[in-house]
N, C-alpha and C. Protein backbone atom coordinates (compact mmCIF):
# COMPACT_ATOMS: atom_id res chain seq x y z
N UNK A 1 0.87 -1.22 -0.02
CA UNK A 1 -0.01 0.02 0.00
C UNK A 1 0.75 1.43 0.10
N UNK A 2 2.03 1.11 0.85
CA UNK A 2 2.73 2.40 0.72
C UNK A 2 3.45 2.99 -0.39
N UNK A 3 3.73 2.04 -1.29
CA UNK A 3 4.34 2.22 -2.57
C UNK A 3 3.22 3.15 -3.57
N UNK A 4 2.22 2.62 -3.27
CA UNK A 4 0.96 2.99 -4.38
C UNK A 4 0.77 4.54 -3.89
N UNK A 5 0.59 4.75 -2.43
CA UNK A 5 0.61 5.93 -2.20
C UNK A 5 1.53 7.01 -2.50
N UNK A 6 2.79 6.47 -2.49
CA UNK A 6 4.30 7.38 -2.81
C UNK A 6 4.06 7.67 -4.42
N UNK A 7 3.55 6.62 -5.25
CA UNK A 7 3.26 6.90 -6.70
C UNK A 7 2.39 7.97 -7.22
N UNK A 8 1.24 7.75 -6.18
CA UNK A 8 0.26 8.71 -6.36
C UNK A 8 0.81 10.36 -5.84
N UNK A 9 1.43 10.24 -4.98
CA UNK A 9 2.04 11.64 -4.28
C UNK A 9 3.18 11.98 -5.44
N UNK A 10 3.92 11.41 -5.93
CA UNK A 10 4.81 11.95 -6.97
C UNK A 10 4.51 12.08 -8.33
N UNK A 11 3.14 11.43 -8.56
CA UNK A 11 2.44 11.97 -9.77
C UNK A 11 1.81 13.42 -9.72
N UNK A 12 1.20 13.57 -8.55
CA UNK A 12 0.70 14.78 -8.10
C UNK A 12 1.34 16.03 -8.29
N UNK A 13 2.94 15.73 -8.16
CA UNK A 13 3.84 16.95 -7.96
C UNK A 13 4.20 17.03 -9.55
N UNK A 14 3.95 16.27 -10.57
CA UNK A 14 4.60 16.35 -11.83
C UNK A 14 4.13 17.75 -12.38
N UNK A 15 5.01 18.59 -13.08
CA UNK A 15 4.62 19.81 -13.45
C UNK A 15 3.87 19.65 -15.04
N UNK A 16 2.94 20.37 -15.26
CA UNK A 16 2.40 20.15 -16.58
C UNK A 16 2.21 21.37 -17.37
N UNK A 17 2.15 21.55 -18.28
CA UNK A 17 1.84 22.87 -19.15
C UNK A 17 0.73 22.52 -20.29
N UNK A 18 0.01 23.62 -20.71
CA UNK A 18 -1.24 23.30 -21.57
C UNK A 18 -1.75 24.76 -22.04
N UNK A 19 -2.65 24.43 -22.64
CA UNK A 19 -3.52 25.78 -23.42
C UNK A 19 -4.98 25.64 -23.44
N UNK A 20 -5.61 26.18 -22.47
CA UNK A 20 -7.24 26.01 -22.44
C UNK A 20 -7.83 26.95 -23.34
N UNK A 21 -8.64 26.47 -24.33
CA UNK A 21 -9.25 27.34 -25.24
C UNK A 21 -10.81 27.37 -25.69
N UNK A 22 -11.08 28.34 -25.70
CA UNK A 22 -12.49 28.62 -26.23
C UNK A 22 -12.86 29.10 -27.37
N UNK A 23 -13.75 28.23 -28.46
CA UNK A 23 -13.68 28.76 -29.69
C UNK A 23 -15.16 29.07 -30.10
N UNK A 24 -15.06 30.16 -30.61
CA UNK A 24 -16.65 30.81 -30.75
C UNK A 24 -16.50 31.70 -32.41
N UNK A 25 -17.46 31.55 -32.86
CA UNK A 25 -17.72 32.56 -34.04
C UNK A 25 -18.00 33.72 -33.85
N UNK A 26 -18.31 34.66 -34.96
CA UNK A 26 -18.45 36.11 -34.73
C UNK A 26 -19.70 36.28 -33.93
N UNK A 27 -20.46 35.54 -34.23
CA UNK A 27 -22.10 35.51 -33.47
C UNK A 27 -21.93 35.18 -32.04
N UNK A 28 -20.93 34.88 -31.56
CA UNK A 28 -20.70 34.38 -30.11
C UNK A 28 -21.13 33.19 -30.12
N UNK A 29 -21.38 32.14 -31.02
CA UNK A 29 -21.53 30.59 -31.06
C UNK A 29 -20.62 29.77 -31.10
N UNK A 30 -20.46 28.74 -30.17
CA UNK A 30 -19.41 27.82 -29.83
C UNK A 30 -18.97 27.37 -31.21
N UNK A 31 -18.10 27.18 -31.46
CA UNK A 31 -17.61 26.00 -32.85
C UNK A 31 -17.19 24.83 -32.19
N UNK A 32 -17.79 23.87 -32.76
CA UNK A 32 -17.46 22.71 -32.21
C UNK A 32 -16.49 21.91 -33.44
N UNK A 33 -15.72 20.83 -33.08
CA UNK A 33 -14.49 20.23 -34.10
C UNK A 33 -13.74 21.31 -34.69
N UNK A 34 -13.55 22.10 -33.93
CA UNK A 34 -11.98 23.20 -34.37
C UNK A 34 -11.03 22.15 -34.03
N UNK A 35 -9.96 22.23 -34.55
CA UNK A 35 -8.35 21.58 -34.09
C UNK A 35 -7.90 22.67 -33.60
N UNK A 36 -7.44 22.20 -32.25
CA UNK A 36 -6.50 23.18 -31.34
C UNK A 36 -5.22 22.23 -31.15
N UNK A 37 -3.99 22.68 -31.80
CA UNK A 37 -2.92 22.03 -31.60
C UNK A 37 -1.76 22.84 -31.03
N UNK A 38 -0.77 22.12 -30.68
CA UNK A 38 0.52 22.99 -30.18
C UNK A 38 1.51 22.06 -31.37
N UNK A 39 1.97 23.00 -32.23
CA UNK A 39 3.06 22.37 -33.07
C UNK A 39 4.11 23.13 -32.90
N UNK A 40 5.44 22.28 -33.25
CA UNK A 40 6.79 23.01 -33.03
C UNK A 40 7.53 22.73 -34.49
N UNK A 41 8.66 23.42 -34.59
CA UNK A 41 9.40 23.48 -35.69
C UNK A 41 9.95 22.03 -36.07
N UNK A 42 10.18 21.80 -37.03
CA UNK A 42 10.86 20.57 -37.49
C UNK A 42 12.02 20.09 -36.87
N UNK A 43 13.02 21.04 -36.65
CA UNK A 43 14.15 20.86 -36.01
C UNK A 43 14.34 21.21 -34.55
N UNK A 44 12.84 21.22 -34.22
CA UNK A 44 12.55 21.40 -32.35
C UNK A 44 13.07 20.28 -31.61
N UNK A 45 13.57 20.40 -30.48
CA UNK A 45 13.91 19.08 -29.61
C UNK A 45 12.74 18.68 -29.13
N UNK A 46 11.41 19.27 -29.37
CA UNK A 46 10.26 18.81 -28.84
C UNK A 46 9.72 17.95 -29.79
N UNK A 47 9.37 16.70 -29.46
CA UNK A 47 8.83 15.67 -30.37
C UNK A 47 7.15 15.53 -30.39
N UNK A 48 6.58 15.58 -29.28
CA UNK A 48 5.11 15.43 -29.67
C UNK A 48 4.60 16.92 -30.14
N UNK A 49 3.92 16.36 -31.25
CA UNK A 49 2.83 17.28 -31.76
C UNK A 49 1.41 17.09 -31.15
N UNK A 50 0.87 17.93 -30.66
CA UNK A 50 -0.43 17.52 -29.93
C UNK A 50 -1.66 18.25 -30.49
N UNK A 51 -2.85 17.61 -30.72
CA UNK A 51 -3.95 18.12 -31.23
C UNK A 51 -5.14 17.62 -30.69
N UNK A 52 -6.17 18.42 -30.41
CA UNK A 52 -7.52 17.81 -29.98
C UNK A 52 -8.37 18.53 -30.77
N UNK A 53 -9.78 18.05 -30.62
CA UNK A 53 -11.11 18.95 -30.95
C UNK A 53 -11.60 19.69 -30.07
N UNK A 54 -12.48 20.47 -30.25
CA UNK A 54 -13.17 21.36 -29.43
C UNK A 54 -14.54 20.70 -29.35
N UNK A 55 -15.08 20.68 -28.19
CA UNK A 55 -16.08 20.04 -27.84
C UNK A 55 -17.59 20.79 -28.03
N UNK A 56 -18.74 20.32 -28.18
CA UNK A 56 -19.83 21.06 -28.68
C UNK A 56 -19.90 22.47 -27.96
N UNK A 57 -19.47 22.84 -26.77
CA UNK A 57 -19.63 24.24 -26.23
C UNK A 57 -18.17 25.05 -26.56
N UNK A 58 -17.48 24.66 -27.46
CA UNK A 58 -16.37 25.15 -27.96
C UNK A 58 -15.05 24.93 -27.00
N UNK A 59 -15.14 24.41 -26.17
CA UNK A 59 -13.91 24.00 -25.36
C UNK A 59 -12.99 22.99 -25.61
N UNK A 60 -11.84 23.26 -25.63
CA UNK A 60 -10.60 22.11 -25.65
C UNK A 60 -9.31 22.78 -25.08
N UNK A 61 -8.69 21.69 -24.62
CA UNK A 61 -7.36 21.87 -23.84
C UNK A 61 -6.64 20.76 -24.12
N UNK A 62 -5.39 21.10 -24.54
CA UNK A 62 -4.17 20.68 -25.13
C UNK A 62 -2.90 20.47 -24.12
N UNK A 63 -2.28 19.80 -23.71
CA UNK A 63 -1.11 20.09 -22.92
C UNK A 63 -0.30 18.73 -22.27
N UNK A 64 0.47 18.68 -22.03
CA UNK A 64 1.48 17.64 -21.42
C UNK A 64 2.39 17.90 -20.39
N UNK A 65 3.04 16.90 -20.14
CA UNK A 65 3.96 16.91 -18.87
C UNK A 65 5.05 17.55 -19.34
N UNK A 66 5.65 18.72 -18.27
CA UNK A 66 6.63 19.32 -18.55
C UNK A 66 6.78 20.51 -17.58
N UNK A 67 8.27 20.88 -17.34
CA UNK A 67 8.20 22.04 -16.55
C UNK A 67 8.16 23.49 -17.26
N UNK A 68 7.93 23.29 -18.41
CA UNK A 68 7.64 24.71 -19.26
C UNK A 68 6.64 24.26 -20.58
N UNK A 69 6.45 25.52 -20.93
CA UNK A 69 5.41 25.43 -22.12
C UNK A 69 6.93 24.99 -23.37
N UNK A 70 6.45 24.08 -24.38
CA UNK A 70 7.44 23.90 -25.05
C UNK A 70 7.96 24.96 -25.86
N UNK A 71 9.43 24.99 -25.87
CA UNK A 71 10.08 26.22 -26.46
C UNK A 71 10.12 26.14 -27.81
N UNK A 72 9.59 27.53 -28.41
CA UNK A 72 9.69 27.34 -30.02
C UNK A 72 8.14 26.77 -30.58
N UNK A 73 7.14 26.41 -29.86
CA UNK A 73 5.99 25.89 -30.08
C UNK A 73 5.05 26.89 -30.22
N UNK A 74 4.13 26.72 -31.43
CA UNK A 74 2.90 27.49 -31.52
C UNK A 74 1.74 26.99 -31.16
N UNK A 75 0.60 27.77 -30.76
CA UNK A 75 -1.01 27.20 -30.71
C UNK A 75 -1.64 27.59 -31.99
N UNK A 76 -2.19 26.76 -32.68
CA UNK A 76 -2.86 26.75 -33.80
C UNK A 76 -4.40 26.21 -33.32
N UNK A 77 -5.22 27.10 -33.54
CA UNK A 77 -6.81 26.79 -33.81
C UNK A 77 -7.41 27.00 -35.27
N UNK A 78 -7.98 25.71 -35.81
CA UNK A 78 -8.46 25.83 -37.30
C UNK A 78 -9.46 24.93 -37.38
N UNK A 79 -10.47 25.55 -38.33
CA UNK A 79 -11.57 24.62 -38.73
C UNK A 79 -11.82 24.95 -40.29
N UNK A 80 -12.06 24.21 -41.03
CA UNK A 80 -12.62 24.57 -42.30
C UNK A 80 -13.60 25.64 -42.35
N UNK A 81 -13.28 26.49 -43.33
CA UNK A 81 -14.34 27.62 -43.39
C UNK A 81 -13.96 28.91 -42.68
N UNK A 82 -13.08 28.55 -41.73
CA UNK A 82 -12.72 29.72 -40.95
C UNK A 82 -10.91 30.17 -41.17
N UNK A 83 -10.62 31.29 -40.73
CA UNK A 83 -9.31 31.63 -40.92
C UNK A 83 -8.69 31.04 -39.59
N UNK A 84 -7.38 30.40 -39.95
CA UNK A 84 -6.53 29.67 -38.83
C UNK A 84 -6.31 30.61 -37.94
N UNK A 85 -6.31 30.75 -36.91
CA UNK A 85 -5.59 31.43 -35.67
C UNK A 85 -4.51 30.73 -35.30
N UNK A 86 -3.39 31.35 -35.37
CA UNK A 86 -1.80 31.08 -35.02
C UNK A 86 -1.44 32.18 -33.46
N UNK A 87 -1.00 31.52 -32.40
CA UNK A 87 -0.48 32.08 -31.41
C UNK A 87 1.16 31.56 -31.29
N UNK A 88 1.83 32.72 -31.72
CA UNK A 88 3.09 32.27 -31.62
C UNK A 88 3.94 32.19 -30.68
N UNK A 89 4.83 31.23 -30.22
CA UNK A 89 5.81 31.24 -29.03
C UNK A 89 6.13 32.53 -28.33
N UNK A 90 6.54 33.30 -29.36
CA UNK A 90 7.23 34.45 -28.92
C UNK A 90 6.32 35.47 -28.42
N UNK A 91 5.08 35.25 -28.86
CA UNK A 91 4.00 36.18 -28.36
C UNK A 91 3.75 35.54 -26.85
N UNK A 92 3.73 34.40 -26.81
CA UNK A 92 3.10 33.58 -25.49
C UNK A 92 4.26 33.81 -24.30
N UNK A 93 5.48 33.73 -24.95
CA UNK A 93 6.85 33.96 -23.90
C UNK A 93 7.53 34.98 -24.47
N UNK A 94 7.28 36.11 -24.43
CA UNK A 94 8.43 37.30 -24.96
C UNK A 94 9.50 37.15 -24.38
N UNK A 95 9.69 36.89 -23.14
CA UNK A 95 11.07 36.96 -22.27
C UNK A 95 11.64 35.68 -22.03
N UNK A 96 11.16 35.07 -23.05
CA UNK A 96 12.08 33.55 -23.38
C UNK A 96 11.21 32.56 -22.30
N UNK A 97 11.92 31.18 -22.40
CA UNK A 97 11.60 29.95 -21.62
C UNK A 97 11.59 30.17 -20.06
N UNK A 98 12.99 31.20 -19.41
CA UNK A 98 12.71 31.10 -18.53
C UNK A 98 11.74 32.11 -17.31
N UNK A 99 11.09 33.08 -18.22
CA UNK A 99 10.04 33.73 -17.59
C UNK A 99 8.56 33.63 -18.36
N UNK A 100 8.23 32.24 -18.69
CA UNK A 100 7.44 31.97 -19.32
C UNK A 100 6.17 31.04 -18.57
N UNK A 101 4.83 31.28 -18.70
CA UNK A 101 4.07 30.46 -17.92
C UNK A 101 4.19 29.28 -18.40
N UNK A 102 3.25 28.24 -17.67
CA UNK A 102 2.97 26.99 -18.10
C UNK A 102 1.91 26.60 -18.57
N UNK A 103 0.86 27.68 -18.29
CA UNK A 103 -0.61 27.34 -19.02
C UNK A 103 -0.87 28.88 -19.21
N UNK A 104 -2.00 28.71 -20.32
CA UNK A 104 -2.43 29.48 -20.86
C UNK A 104 -4.02 29.56 -21.34
N UNK A 105 -4.80 30.33 -21.10
CA UNK A 105 -6.16 30.07 -21.48
C UNK A 105 -6.70 31.56 -22.41
N UNK A 106 -7.15 30.89 -23.52
CA UNK A 106 -7.52 31.97 -24.55
C UNK A 106 -9.14 31.70 -24.74
N UNK A 107 -9.59 32.71 -24.98
CA UNK A 107 -11.24 32.84 -25.59
C UNK A 107 -11.25 33.34 -27.09
N UNK A 108 -11.27 32.55 -28.11
CA UNK A 108 -10.82 33.15 -29.39
C UNK A 108 -11.98 33.14 -30.43
N UNK A 109 -12.27 34.09 -31.19
CA UNK A 109 -13.14 34.32 -32.45
C UNK A 109 -12.53 33.83 -33.62
N UNK A 110 -13.17 32.73 -34.10
CA UNK A 110 -12.38 32.66 -35.49
C UNK A 110 -13.48 33.15 -36.62
N UNK A 111 -12.90 33.92 -37.49
CA UNK A 111 -13.30 34.64 -38.59
C UNK A 111 -13.78 33.68 -39.58
N UNK A 112 -14.92 33.88 -40.30
CA UNK A 112 -15.01 32.69 -41.53
C UNK A 112 -13.98 33.57 -42.66
N UNK A 113 -13.89 32.41 -43.50
CA UNK A 113 -13.02 33.03 -44.79
C UNK A 113 -13.79 33.62 -45.81
């Protein structure tokens, strides 16, 4: 029993990074099935590219384990028929990785094409 408690305690301390996104159209209606992704340059040391779909209420969360938001990675929100929204790493973390939040929340309006 003791090893299980220790394992749960260690897992609870793991740092996580992520982006929580609410996606709406210009009429303030939630957009379902928009892709929310964290993507990194091909030469980045970060290997996973993560993507999720927004729920019927327009909510989506993407993230992973790590002590910082992946350096050099951007957040993309896309859906056919709408302009893709890109949030660049340099806008998320203008002072670089040593002074960057691990979690972000966005309430975005996607414009029709």
